[in-house]
């Protein structure tokens, strides 16, 4: 996440907020992203739409990998990185 547009106290506060959110193990990943997006002014509904669009794209990754000639064994090695 690029926080270069922020300065001074705002930037410091934002960085502390994000670090604290990622340290809390009891917050699920999706909920965590929604909370972070809300902090930066994105509505929960809009965030969920964006997340769904990303998930739809990620679910097609094996087709893309195959189209580039990536072997089945390499695809299996990468599968964990694309788990949604």
N, C-alpha and C. Protein backbone atom coordinates (compact mmCIF):
# COMPACT_ATOMS: atom_id res chain seq x y z
N UNK A 1 0.84 -1.16 0.00
CA UNK A 1 0.00 0.00 0.00
C UNK A 1 0.89 1.23 0.00
N UNK A 2 0.62 2.16 -0.89
CA UNK A 2 1.44 3.36 -1.02
C UNK A 2 0.88 4.46 -0.13
N UNK A 3 1.63 4.82 0.88
CA UNK A 3 1.21 5.89 1.78
C UNK A 3 2.00 7.16 1.53
N UNK A 4 2.63 7.28 0.37
CA UNK A 4 3.48 8.43 0.07
C UNK A 4 2.70 9.73 -0.03
N UNK A 5 1.38 9.65 -0.27
CA UNK A 5 0.59 10.88 -0.37
C UNK A 5 0.30 11.47 1.01
N UNK A 6 0.51 10.69 2.05
CA UNK A 6 0.28 11.16 3.41
C UNK A 6 1.55 11.79 3.95
N UNK A 7 1.38 12.66 4.93
CA UNK A 7 2.57 13.28 5.51
C UNK A 7 2.39 13.43 7.02
N UNK A 8 3.50 13.61 7.70
CA UNK A 8 3.51 13.92 9.12
C UNK A 8 2.72 12.96 9.98
N UNK A 9 1.91 13.55 10.88
CA UNK A 9 1.14 12.77 11.84
C UNK A 9 0.14 11.82 11.16
N UNK A 10 -0.45 12.26 10.07
CA UNK A 10 -1.42 11.43 9.36
C UNK A 10 -0.77 10.15 8.87
N UNK A 11 0.40 10.28 8.27
CA UNK A 11 1.11 9.11 7.75
C UNK A 11 1.51 8.19 8.90
N UNK A 12 2.04 8.77 9.97
CA UNK A 12 2.47 7.96 11.12
C UNK A 12 1.28 7.23 11.73
N UNK A 13 0.16 7.93 11.89
CA UNK A 13 -1.04 7.31 12.46
C UNK A 13 -1.53 6.17 11.56
N UNK A 14 -1.54 6.40 10.25
CA UNK A 14 -2.01 5.38 9.31
C UNK A 14 -1.15 4.14 9.35
N UNK A 15 0.15 4.33 9.40
CA UNK A 15 1.07 3.19 9.46
C UNK A 15 0.86 2.40 10.75
N UNK A 16 0.71 3.10 11.89
CA UNK A 16 0.45 2.42 13.16
C UNK A 16 -0.87 1.65 13.10
N UNK A 17 -1.89 2.25 12.51
CA UNK A 17 -3.20 1.61 12.39
C UNK A 17 -3.08 0.31 11.60
N UNK A 18 -2.40 0.37 10.46
CA UNK A 18 -2.25 -0.82 9.62
C UNK A 18 -1.45 -1.91 10.32
N UNK A 19 -0.38 -1.53 10.99
CA UNK A 19 0.44 -2.51 11.70
C UNK A 19 -0.38 -3.20 12.78
N UNK A 20 -1.18 -2.45 13.52
CA UNK A 20 -2.01 -3.04 14.57
C UNK A 20 -3.06 -3.97 13.99
N UNK A 21 -3.64 -3.63 12.86
CA UNK A 21 -4.66 -4.47 12.25
C UNK A 21 -4.07 -5.81 11.82
N UNK A 22 -2.85 -5.78 11.28
CA UNK A 22 -2.25 -7.02 10.81
C UNK A 22 -1.71 -7.86 11.96
N UNK A 23 -1.47 -7.27 13.13
CA UNK A 23 -0.98 -8.03 14.28
C UNK A 23 -2.09 -8.82 14.96
N UNK A 24 -3.32 -8.35 14.85
CA UNK A 24 -4.44 -9.00 15.52
C UNK A 24 -4.79 -10.30 14.81
N UNK A 25 -4.49 -11.41 15.45
CA UNK A 25 -4.73 -12.71 14.84
C UNK A 25 -6.18 -13.12 14.81
N UNK A 26 -7.03 -12.47 15.58
CA UNK A 26 -8.42 -12.88 15.66
C UNK A 26 -9.29 -12.24 14.57
N UNK A 27 -8.72 -11.36 13.76
CA UNK A 27 -9.48 -10.73 12.69
C UNK A 27 -9.21 -11.50 11.41
N UNK A 28 -10.26 -12.02 10.81
CA UNK A 28 -10.10 -12.78 9.56
C UNK A 28 -9.59 -11.87 8.45
N UNK A 29 -8.92 -12.46 7.47
CA UNK A 29 -8.27 -11.70 6.41
C UNK A 29 -9.24 -10.79 5.66
N UNK A 30 -10.39 -11.31 5.25
CA UNK A 30 -11.35 -10.51 4.50
C UNK A 30 -11.89 -9.37 5.34
N UNK A 31 -12.28 -9.65 6.56
CA UNK A 31 -12.78 -8.61 7.46
C UNK A 31 -11.72 -7.55 7.69
N UNK A 32 -10.48 -7.99 7.80
CA UNK A 32 -9.37 -7.08 8.01
C UNK A 32 -9.26 -6.11 6.83
N UNK A 33 -9.35 -6.63 5.61
CA UNK A 33 -9.28 -5.77 4.43
C UNK A 33 -10.43 -4.78 4.38
N UNK A 34 -11.61 -5.22 4.75
CA UNK A 34 -12.77 -4.33 4.75
C UNK A 34 -12.58 -3.22 5.78
N UNK A 35 -12.10 -3.56 6.95
CA UNK A 35 -11.87 -2.55 7.98
C UNK A 35 -10.81 -1.54 7.55
N UNK A 36 -9.76 -2.02 6.93
CA UNK A 36 -8.71 -1.12 6.46
C UNK A 36 -9.25 -0.20 5.37
N UNK A 37 -10.03 -0.75 4.45
CA UNK A 37 -10.60 0.06 3.37
C UNK A 37 -11.53 1.13 3.94
N UNK A 38 -12.34 0.76 4.94
CA UNK A 38 -13.23 1.73 5.58
C UNK A 38 -12.44 2.84 6.24
N UNK A 39 -11.32 2.50 6.84
CA UNK A 39 -10.47 3.50 7.48
C UNK A 39 -10.03 4.55 6.47
N UNK A 40 -9.79 4.12 5.23
CA UNK A 40 -9.33 5.04 4.19
C UNK A 40 -10.48 5.62 3.36
N UNK A 41 -11.73 5.42 3.84
CA UNK A 41 -12.87 6.09 3.23
C UNK A 41 -13.64 5.29 2.19
N UNK A 42 -13.28 4.04 1.98
CA UNK A 42 -14.01 3.21 1.03
C UNK A 42 -15.18 2.55 1.76
N UNK A 43 -16.34 2.58 1.16
CA UNK A 43 -17.51 1.97 1.80
C UNK A 43 -17.39 0.45 1.79
N UNK A 44 -17.94 -0.17 2.82
CA UNK A 44 -17.88 -1.63 2.96
C UNK A 44 -18.47 -2.33 1.73
N UNK A 45 -19.58 -1.83 1.23
CA UNK A 45 -20.23 -2.41 0.06
C UNK A 45 -19.29 -2.36 -1.15
N UNK A 46 -18.65 -1.22 -1.38
CA UNK A 46 -17.73 -1.08 -2.51
C UNK A 46 -16.52 -1.99 -2.35
N UNK A 47 -16.03 -2.10 -1.12
CA UNK A 47 -14.88 -2.96 -0.85
C UNK A 47 -15.21 -4.41 -1.17
N UNK A 48 -16.38 -4.86 -0.77
CA UNK A 48 -16.79 -6.24 -1.04
C UNK A 48 -16.89 -6.50 -2.54
N UNK A 49 -17.38 -5.52 -3.30
CA UNK A 49 -17.47 -5.66 -4.76
C UNK A 49 -16.07 -5.80 -5.35
N UNK A 50 -15.15 -4.97 -4.91
CA UNK A 50 -13.76 -5.03 -5.40
C UNK A 50 -13.14 -6.37 -5.05
N UNK A 51 -13.32 -6.82 -3.82
CA UNK A 51 -12.76 -8.11 -3.39
C UNK A 51 -13.34 -9.25 -4.24
N UNK A 52 -14.65 -9.20 -4.50
CA UNK A 52 -15.27 -10.24 -5.34
C UNK A 52 -14.69 -10.24 -6.75
N UNK A 53 -14.45 -9.05 -7.31
CA UNK A 53 -13.85 -8.96 -8.65
C UNK A 53 -12.45 -9.56 -8.66
N UNK A 54 -11.69 -9.28 -7.63
CA UNK A 54 -10.33 -9.83 -7.53
C UNK A 54 -10.39 -11.34 -7.39
N UNK A 55 -11.30 -11.83 -6.54
CA UNK A 55 -11.43 -13.28 -6.35
C UNK A 55 -11.80 -13.97 -7.66
N UNK A 56 -12.72 -13.36 -8.42
CA UNK A 56 -13.11 -13.94 -9.72
C UNK A 56 -11.91 -14.04 -10.65
N UNK A 57 -11.09 -13.00 -10.66
CA UNK A 57 -9.89 -13.01 -11.52
C UNK A 57 -8.89 -14.06 -11.07
N UNK A 58 -8.68 -14.15 -9.77
CA UNK A 58 -7.71 -15.10 -9.23
C UNK A 58 -8.14 -16.54 -9.49
N UNK A 59 -9.43 -16.80 -9.45
CA UNK A 59 -9.91 -18.16 -9.66
C UNK A 59 -9.60 -18.69 -11.06
N UNK A 60 -9.27 -17.81 -11.98
CA UNK A 60 -8.95 -18.21 -13.36
C UNK A 60 -7.44 -18.37 -13.57
N UNK A 61 -6.67 -18.30 -12.51
CA UNK A 61 -5.21 -18.27 -12.66
C UNK A 61 -4.66 -19.54 -13.30
N UNK A 62 -5.26 -20.70 -13.03
CA UNK A 62 -4.72 -21.93 -13.61
C UNK A 62 -4.86 -21.94 -15.14
N UNK A 63 -5.97 -21.40 -15.64
CA UNK A 63 -6.15 -21.30 -17.09
C UNK A 63 -5.09 -20.40 -17.71
N UNK A 64 -4.81 -19.29 -17.03
CA UNK A 64 -3.78 -18.36 -17.52
C UNK A 64 -2.41 -19.04 -17.49
N UNK A 65 -2.11 -19.73 -16.40
CA UNK A 65 -0.82 -20.42 -16.29
C UNK A 65 -0.66 -21.46 -17.40
N UNK A 66 -1.71 -22.23 -17.65
CA UNK A 66 -1.66 -23.24 -18.72
C UNK A 66 -1.45 -22.58 -20.08
N UNK A 67 -2.10 -21.43 -20.29
CA UNK A 67 -1.96 -20.75 -21.59
C UNK A 67 -0.54 -20.26 -21.83
N UNK A 68 0.23 -20.08 -20.75
CA UNK A 68 1.63 -19.69 -20.87
C UNK A 68 2.57 -20.89 -20.88
N UNK A 69 1.99 -22.09 -20.88
CA UNK A 69 2.79 -23.30 -20.98
C UNK A 69 3.46 -23.73 -19.69
N UNK A 70 2.94 -23.27 -18.56
CA UNK A 70 3.50 -23.66 -17.27
C UNK A 70 3.08 -25.10 -16.98
N UNK A 71 4.03 -25.89 -16.54
CA UNK A 71 3.78 -27.32 -16.31
C UNK A 71 2.81 -27.53 -15.15
N UNK A 72 2.17 -28.70 -15.17
CA UNK A 72 1.23 -29.05 -14.11
C UNK A 72 1.91 -29.05 -12.74
N UNK A 73 3.15 -29.56 -12.67
CA UNK A 73 3.85 -29.61 -11.38
C UNK A 73 4.14 -28.20 -10.85
N UNK A 74 4.49 -27.28 -11.74
CA UNK A 74 4.74 -25.89 -11.31
C UNK A 74 3.44 -25.22 -10.86
N UNK A 75 2.36 -25.53 -11.57
CA UNK A 75 1.05 -24.99 -11.18
C UNK A 75 0.69 -25.48 -9.78
N UNK A 76 0.93 -26.75 -9.50
CA UNK A 76 0.65 -27.29 -8.17
C UNK A 76 1.50 -26.62 -7.10
N UNK A 77 2.75 -26.31 -7.42
CA UNK A 77 3.63 -25.62 -6.47
C UNK A 77 3.09 -24.22 -6.14
N UNK A 78 2.48 -23.58 -7.13
CA UNK A 78 1.99 -22.20 -6.95
C UNK A 78 0.59 -22.13 -6.38
N UNK A 79 -0.12 -23.25 -6.36
CA UNK A 79 -1.54 -23.25 -5.98
C UNK A 79 -1.81 -22.56 -4.64
N UNK A 80 -0.97 -22.77 -3.65
CA UNK A 80 -1.18 -22.18 -2.32
C UNK A 80 -1.20 -20.65 -2.36
N UNK A 81 -0.43 -20.07 -3.27
CA UNK A 81 -0.36 -18.61 -3.37
C UNK A 81 -1.65 -18.01 -3.91
N UNK A 82 -2.44 -18.81 -4.61
CA UNK A 82 -3.66 -18.30 -5.23
C UNK A 82 -4.93 -18.82 -4.57
N UNK A 83 -4.79 -19.40 -3.39
CA UNK A 83 -5.96 -19.94 -2.68
C UNK A 83 -6.85 -18.78 -2.22
N UNK A 84 -8.12 -18.87 -2.57
CA UNK A 84 -9.07 -17.83 -2.16
C UNK A 84 -10.19 -18.41 -1.33
